Amino acid sequence: MARYASRASSDYHTYQFFKDRNDPEKAIITQIDAENATLMLIKYGLETKLPLSSADSLSTQKMNEGSGIYLKVNINGNKHSLFDYLNVLIKVELKGFHKEMKIQVL
């Protein structure tokens, strides 16, 4: 029970911190798979997944075909590599007692 309360408190305070922010932040691509790119928000040490659109997902799979690991990703029609920097906007919503981070790549 204490663990649940701790996580809910952390999610709520993260939501309070980010709810009115509209400034672009730097993020780095730390992992790529067929349907998501994992981004690390450098300034805050937070990690979140960026879901790829179906077109970007297909393009990413074609670019990495034949290799055992995904090293390139297509985000909004732009090609990026693993560990590239991106400028993003952070939106956080509170759903139930859990935060949901939404990232918009600029």
N, C-alpha and C. Protein backbone atom coordinates (compact mmCIF):
# COMPACT_ATOMS: atom_id res chain seq x y z
N MET A 1 0.83 -1.19 0.00
CA MET A 1 0.00 0.00 0.00
C MET A 1 0.88 1.26 0.00
N ALA A 2 1.95 1.22 0.78
CA ALA A 2 2.85 2.37 0.84
C ALA A 2 3.51 2.63 -0.51
N ARG A 3 3.83 1.57 -1.23
CA ARG A 3 4.45 1.71 -2.55
C ARG A 3 3.48 2.41 -3.52
N TYR A 4 2.21 2.04 -3.47
CA TYR A 4 1.20 2.65 -4.33
C TYR A 4 1.05 4.13 -4.00
N ALA A 5 1.03 4.47 -2.72
CA ALA A 5 0.92 5.87 -2.30
C ALA A 5 2.14 6.66 -2.74
N SER A 6 3.32 6.06 -2.65
CA SER A 6 4.55 6.73 -3.06
C SER A 6 4.55 7.02 -4.56
N ARG A 7 4.13 6.05 -5.36
CA ARG A 7 4.08 6.25 -6.81
C ARG A 7 3.04 7.29 -7.20
N ALA A 8 1.89 7.24 -6.54
CA ALA A 8 0.83 8.22 -6.83
C ALA A 8 1.30 9.63 -6.47
N SER A 9 2.00 9.77 -5.37
CA SER A 9 2.53 11.07 -4.96
C SER A 9 3.57 11.57 -5.97
N SER A 10 4.45 10.68 -6.40
CA SER A 10 5.47 11.06 -7.39
C SER A 10 4.82 11.48 -8.70
N ASP A 11 3.83 10.73 -9.15
CA ASP A 11 3.13 11.07 -10.39
C ASP A 11 2.42 12.41 -10.26
N TYR A 12 1.79 12.65 -9.13
CA TYR A 12 1.06 13.91 -8.92
C TYR A 12 2.01 15.10 -8.92
N HIS A 13 3.14 14.98 -8.25
CA HIS A 13 4.08 16.11 -8.19
C HIS A 13 4.76 16.33 -9.54
N THR A 14 4.99 15.27 -10.30
CA THR A 14 5.52 15.42 -11.66
C THR A 14 4.50 16.17 -12.52
N TYR A 15 3.24 15.80 -12.39
CA TYR A 15 2.17 16.50 -13.11
C TYR A 15 2.14 17.98 -12.74
N GLN A 16 2.21 18.30 -11.44
CA GLN A 16 2.18 19.69 -10.99
C GLN A 16 3.37 20.48 -11.56
N PHE A 17 4.52 19.84 -11.64
CA PHE A 17 5.73 20.50 -12.12
C PHE A 17 5.63 20.84 -13.60
N PHE A 18 5.08 19.93 -14.42
CA PHE A 18 5.08 20.10 -15.87
C PHE A 18 3.80 20.68 -16.45
N LYS A 19 2.74 20.83 -15.68
CA LYS A 19 1.42 21.13 -16.25
C LYS A 19 1.34 22.43 -17.03
N ASP A 20 2.08 23.47 -16.67
CA ASP A 20 1.98 24.75 -17.36
C ASP A 20 3.22 25.11 -18.17
N ARG A 21 4.08 24.16 -18.42
CA ARG A 21 5.32 24.44 -19.15
C ARG A 21 5.10 24.33 -20.66
N ASN A 22 5.58 25.33 -21.38
CA ASN A 22 5.47 25.33 -22.84
C ASN A 22 6.80 25.56 -23.53
N ASP A 23 7.89 25.46 -22.78
CA ASP A 23 9.21 25.69 -23.35
C ASP A 23 9.76 24.39 -23.95
N PRO A 24 10.43 24.48 -25.09
CA PRO A 24 11.04 23.28 -25.66
C PRO A 24 12.19 22.79 -24.77
N GLU A 25 12.33 21.49 -24.70
CA GLU A 25 13.39 20.86 -23.92
C GLU A 25 14.18 19.94 -24.82
N LYS A 26 15.42 19.63 -24.42
CA LYS A 26 16.26 18.72 -25.18
C LYS A 26 16.01 17.29 -24.71
N ALA A 27 15.95 16.40 -25.68
CA ALA A 27 15.80 14.97 -25.39
C ALA A 27 16.79 14.21 -26.26
N ILE A 28 17.15 13.02 -25.82
CA ILE A 28 18.05 12.17 -26.58
C ILE A 28 17.36 10.83 -26.84
N ILE A 29 17.54 10.29 -28.03
CA ILE A 29 16.96 9.00 -28.38
C ILE A 29 17.85 7.92 -27.77
N THR A 30 17.29 7.14 -26.84
CA THR A 30 18.09 6.12 -26.15
C THR A 30 17.79 4.70 -26.61
N GLN A 31 16.62 4.49 -27.23
CA GLN A 31 16.27 3.15 -27.70
C GLN A 31 15.27 3.27 -28.83
N ILE A 32 15.38 2.38 -29.79
CA ILE A 32 14.46 2.37 -30.94
C ILE A 32 13.96 0.95 -31.13
N ASP A 33 12.64 0.83 -31.32
CA ASP A 33 12.09 -0.45 -31.75
C ASP A 33 11.10 -0.20 -32.89
N ALA A 34 10.39 -1.21 -33.31
CA ALA A 34 9.54 -1.10 -34.49
C ALA A 34 8.39 -0.10 -34.31
N GLU A 35 7.93 0.10 -33.09
CA GLU A 35 6.75 0.94 -32.88
C GLU A 35 6.98 2.14 -31.98
N ASN A 36 8.11 2.23 -31.31
CA ASN A 36 8.40 3.31 -30.36
C ASN A 36 9.84 3.77 -30.44
N ALA A 37 10.05 5.00 -30.02
CA ALA A 37 11.40 5.50 -29.77
C ALA A 37 11.40 5.95 -28.31
N THR A 38 12.38 5.51 -27.55
CA THR A 38 12.48 5.90 -26.15
C THR A 38 13.34 7.14 -26.06
N LEU A 39 12.83 8.17 -25.39
CA LEU A 39 13.53 9.44 -25.25
C LEU A 39 13.87 9.71 -23.80
N MET A 40 15.06 10.23 -23.56
CA MET A 40 15.48 10.65 -22.23
C MET A 40 15.47 12.18 -22.21
N LEU A 41 14.68 12.74 -21.31
CA LEU A 41 14.65 14.19 -21.14
C LEU A 41 15.84 14.55 -20.26
N ILE A 42 16.86 15.10 -20.86
CA ILE A 42 18.16 15.27 -20.23
C ILE A 42 18.09 16.11 -18.96
N LYS A 43 17.42 17.22 -19.03
CA LYS A 43 17.39 18.17 -17.92
C LYS A 43 16.73 17.57 -16.68
N TYR A 44 15.76 16.69 -16.88
CA TYR A 44 14.98 16.17 -15.76
C TYR A 44 15.27 14.71 -15.44
N GLY A 45 16.01 14.03 -16.28
CA GLY A 45 16.33 12.63 -16.02
C GLY A 45 15.13 11.72 -16.16
N LEU A 46 14.13 12.12 -16.93
CA LEU A 46 12.94 11.30 -17.15
C LEU A 46 13.03 10.59 -18.48
N GLU A 47 12.50 9.39 -18.53
CA GLU A 47 12.50 8.61 -19.76
C GLU A 47 11.06 8.33 -20.15
N THR A 48 10.74 8.47 -21.43
CA THR A 48 9.39 8.23 -21.92
C THR A 48 9.45 7.65 -23.32
N LYS A 49 8.39 6.96 -23.69
CA LYS A 49 8.32 6.38 -25.03
C LYS A 49 7.51 7.28 -25.94
N LEU A 50 8.01 7.44 -27.14
CA LEU A 50 7.34 8.20 -28.18
C LEU A 50 6.79 7.21 -29.20
N PRO A 51 5.46 7.02 -29.24
CA PRO A 51 4.92 6.09 -30.23
C PRO A 51 5.07 6.64 -31.64
N LEU A 52 5.44 5.78 -32.56
CA LEU A 52 5.61 6.18 -33.96
C LEU A 52 4.30 5.99 -34.71
N SER A 53 4.06 6.87 -35.67
CA SER A 53 2.89 6.70 -36.54
C SER A 53 3.10 5.46 -37.39
N SER A 54 2.06 4.96 -38.01
CA SER A 54 2.19 3.74 -38.82
C SER A 54 3.15 3.95 -39.99
N ALA A 55 3.10 5.13 -40.61
CA ALA A 55 4.02 5.42 -41.73
C ALA A 55 5.46 5.48 -41.24
N ASP A 56 5.69 6.14 -40.11
CA ASP A 56 7.04 6.22 -39.55
C ASP A 56 7.54 4.85 -39.10
N SER A 57 6.63 4.03 -38.58
CA SER A 57 7.01 2.69 -38.15
C SER A 57 7.45 1.83 -39.33
N LEU A 58 6.70 1.88 -40.42
CA LEU A 58 7.08 1.12 -41.62
C LEU A 58 8.41 1.60 -42.19
N SER A 59 8.59 2.91 -42.24
CA SER A 59 9.84 3.48 -42.74
C SER A 59 11.01 3.09 -41.86
N THR A 60 10.81 3.10 -40.56
CA THR A 60 11.88 2.71 -39.62
C THR A 60 12.26 1.25 -39.82
N GLN A 61 11.27 0.39 -40.00
CA GLN A 61 11.55 -1.03 -40.21
C GLN A 61 12.32 -1.25 -41.51
N LYS A 62 11.97 -0.51 -42.57
CA LYS A 62 12.67 -0.64 -43.85
C LYS A 62 14.11 -0.16 -43.75
N MET A 63 14.34 0.95 -43.02
CA MET A 63 15.70 1.48 -42.88
C MET A 63 16.62 0.52 -42.12
N ASN A 64 16.06 -0.24 -41.20
CA ASN A 64 16.86 -1.12 -40.35
C ASN A 64 16.78 -2.58 -40.77
N GLU A 65 16.19 -2.85 -41.93
CA GLU A 65 16.03 -4.22 -42.40
C GLU A 65 17.39 -4.88 -42.60
N GLY A 66 17.48 -6.11 -42.12
CA GLY A 66 18.72 -6.86 -42.29
C GLY A 66 19.69 -6.73 -41.12
N SER A 67 19.50 -5.74 -40.26
CA SER A 67 20.37 -5.62 -39.09
C SER A 67 19.60 -6.14 -37.87
N GLY A 68 20.31 -6.61 -36.90
CA GLY A 68 19.66 -7.17 -35.72
C GLY A 68 19.23 -6.13 -34.71
N ILE A 69 19.61 -4.89 -34.94
CA ILE A 69 19.30 -3.83 -33.98
C ILE A 69 18.84 -2.59 -34.75
N TYR A 70 17.94 -1.85 -34.16
CA TYR A 70 17.44 -0.62 -34.78
C TYR A 70 18.39 0.53 -34.44
N LEU A 71 19.00 1.12 -35.45
CA LEU A 71 19.93 2.24 -35.25
C LEU A 71 19.40 3.55 -35.82
N LYS A 72 18.37 3.47 -36.65
CA LYS A 72 17.78 4.67 -37.26
C LYS A 72 16.28 4.65 -37.05
N VAL A 73 15.71 5.85 -36.98
CA VAL A 73 14.27 5.98 -36.78
C VAL A 73 13.76 7.13 -37.62
N ASN A 74 12.53 7.03 -38.07
CA ASN A 74 11.88 8.08 -38.83
C ASN A 74 10.80 8.68 -37.92
N ILE A 75 10.94 9.97 -37.58
CA ILE A 75 9.98 10.66 -36.71
C ILE A 75 9.44 11.85 -37.47
N ASN A 76 8.13 11.85 -37.71
CA ASN A 76 7.46 12.92 -38.46
C ASN A 76 8.12 13.16 -39.81
N GLY A 77 8.56 12.10 -40.45
CA GLY A 77 9.17 12.21 -41.78
C GLY A 77 10.63 12.60 -41.77
N ASN A 78 11.23 12.79 -40.61
CA ASN A 78 12.66 13.15 -40.51
C ASN A 78 13.44 11.96 -39.98
N LYS A 79 14.60 11.70 -40.58
CA LYS A 79 15.43 10.58 -40.16
C LYS A 79 16.34 11.00 -39.01
N HIS A 80 16.40 10.13 -38.00
CA HIS A 80 17.26 10.35 -36.83
C HIS A 80 17.98 9.05 -36.52
N SER A 81 19.10 9.15 -35.84
CA SER A 81 19.86 7.99 -35.42
C SER A 81 19.78 7.83 -33.91
N LEU A 82 20.17 6.67 -33.45
CA LEU A 82 20.26 6.41 -32.02
C LEU A 82 21.20 7.43 -31.38
N PHE A 83 20.83 7.99 -30.27
CA PHE A 83 21.57 9.00 -29.50
C PHE A 83 21.58 10.38 -30.14
N ASP A 84 20.69 10.63 -31.09
CA ASP A 84 20.52 11.99 -31.61
C ASP A 84 19.74 12.83 -30.61
N TYR A 85 19.97 14.14 -30.66
CA TYR A 85 19.24 15.08 -29.81
C TYR A 85 18.01 15.60 -30.56
N LEU A 86 16.92 15.79 -29.82
CA LEU A 86 15.69 16.34 -30.36
C LEU A 86 15.20 17.46 -29.46
N ASN A 87 14.49 18.43 -30.04
CA ASN A 87 13.78 19.43 -29.24
C ASN A 87 12.33 18.97 -29.15
N VAL A 88 11.83 18.92 -27.92
CA VAL A 88 10.48 18.40 -27.69
C VAL A 88 9.70 19.32 -26.76
N LEU A 89 8.37 19.21 -26.85
CA LEU A 89 7.47 19.84 -25.89
C LEU A 89 6.90 18.74 -25.02
N ILE A 90 6.79 19.02 -23.73
CA ILE A 90 6.32 18.03 -22.77
C ILE A 90 4.91 18.40 -22.31
N LYS A 91 4.00 17.45 -22.41
CA LYS A 91 2.65 17.60 -21.89
C LYS A 91 2.40 16.44 -20.94
N VAL A 92 1.92 16.75 -19.75
CA VAL A 92 1.65 15.71 -18.76
C VAL A 92 0.18 15.78 -18.37
N GLU A 93 -0.48 14.63 -18.38
CA GLU A 93 -1.87 14.54 -17.96
C GLU A 93 -1.95 13.61 -16.76
N LEU A 94 -2.88 13.89 -15.87
CA LEU A 94 -3.10 13.03 -14.72
C LEU A 94 -4.36 12.22 -14.98
N LYS A 95 -4.20 10.90 -15.04
CA LYS A 95 -5.33 10.00 -15.30
C LYS A 95 -5.41 8.97 -14.18
N GLY A 96 -6.48 9.12 -13.43
CA GLY A 96 -6.62 8.20 -12.33
C GLY A 96 -5.59 8.53 -11.26
N PHE A 97 -4.68 8.03 -10.82
CA PHE A 97 -3.65 8.58 -9.96
C PHE A 97 -2.30 8.44 -10.64
N HIS A 98 -2.32 8.31 -11.95
CA HIS A 98 -1.07 8.11 -12.67
C HIS A 98 -0.88 9.19 -13.73
N LYS A 99 0.37 9.57 -13.91
CA LYS A 99 0.68 10.59 -14.92
C LYS A 99 0.84 9.91 -16.28
N GLU A 100 0.53 10.64 -17.31
CA GLU A 100 0.75 10.19 -18.67
C GLU A 100 1.49 11.30 -19.39
N MET A 101 2.72 11.04 -19.79
CA MET A 101 3.53 12.04 -20.48
C MET A 101 3.33 11.91 -21.97
N LYS A 102 3.10 13.04 -22.61
CA LYS A 102 2.99 13.08 -24.06
C LYS A 102 4.08 14.01 -24.58
N ILE A 103 4.80 13.54 -25.55
CA ILE A 103 5.93 14.27 -26.10
C ILE A 103 5.60 14.66 -27.53
N GLN A 104 5.87 15.92 -27.85
CA GLN A 104 5.68 16.40 -29.22
C GLN A 104 7.05 16.84 -29.73
N VAL A 105 7.51 16.23 -30.80
CA VAL A 105 8.81 16.56 -31.39
C VAL A 105 8.66 17.80 -32.24
N LEU A 106 9.55 18.77 -32.05
CA LEU A 106 9.51 20.01 -32.83
C LEU A 106 10.36 19.88 -34.08
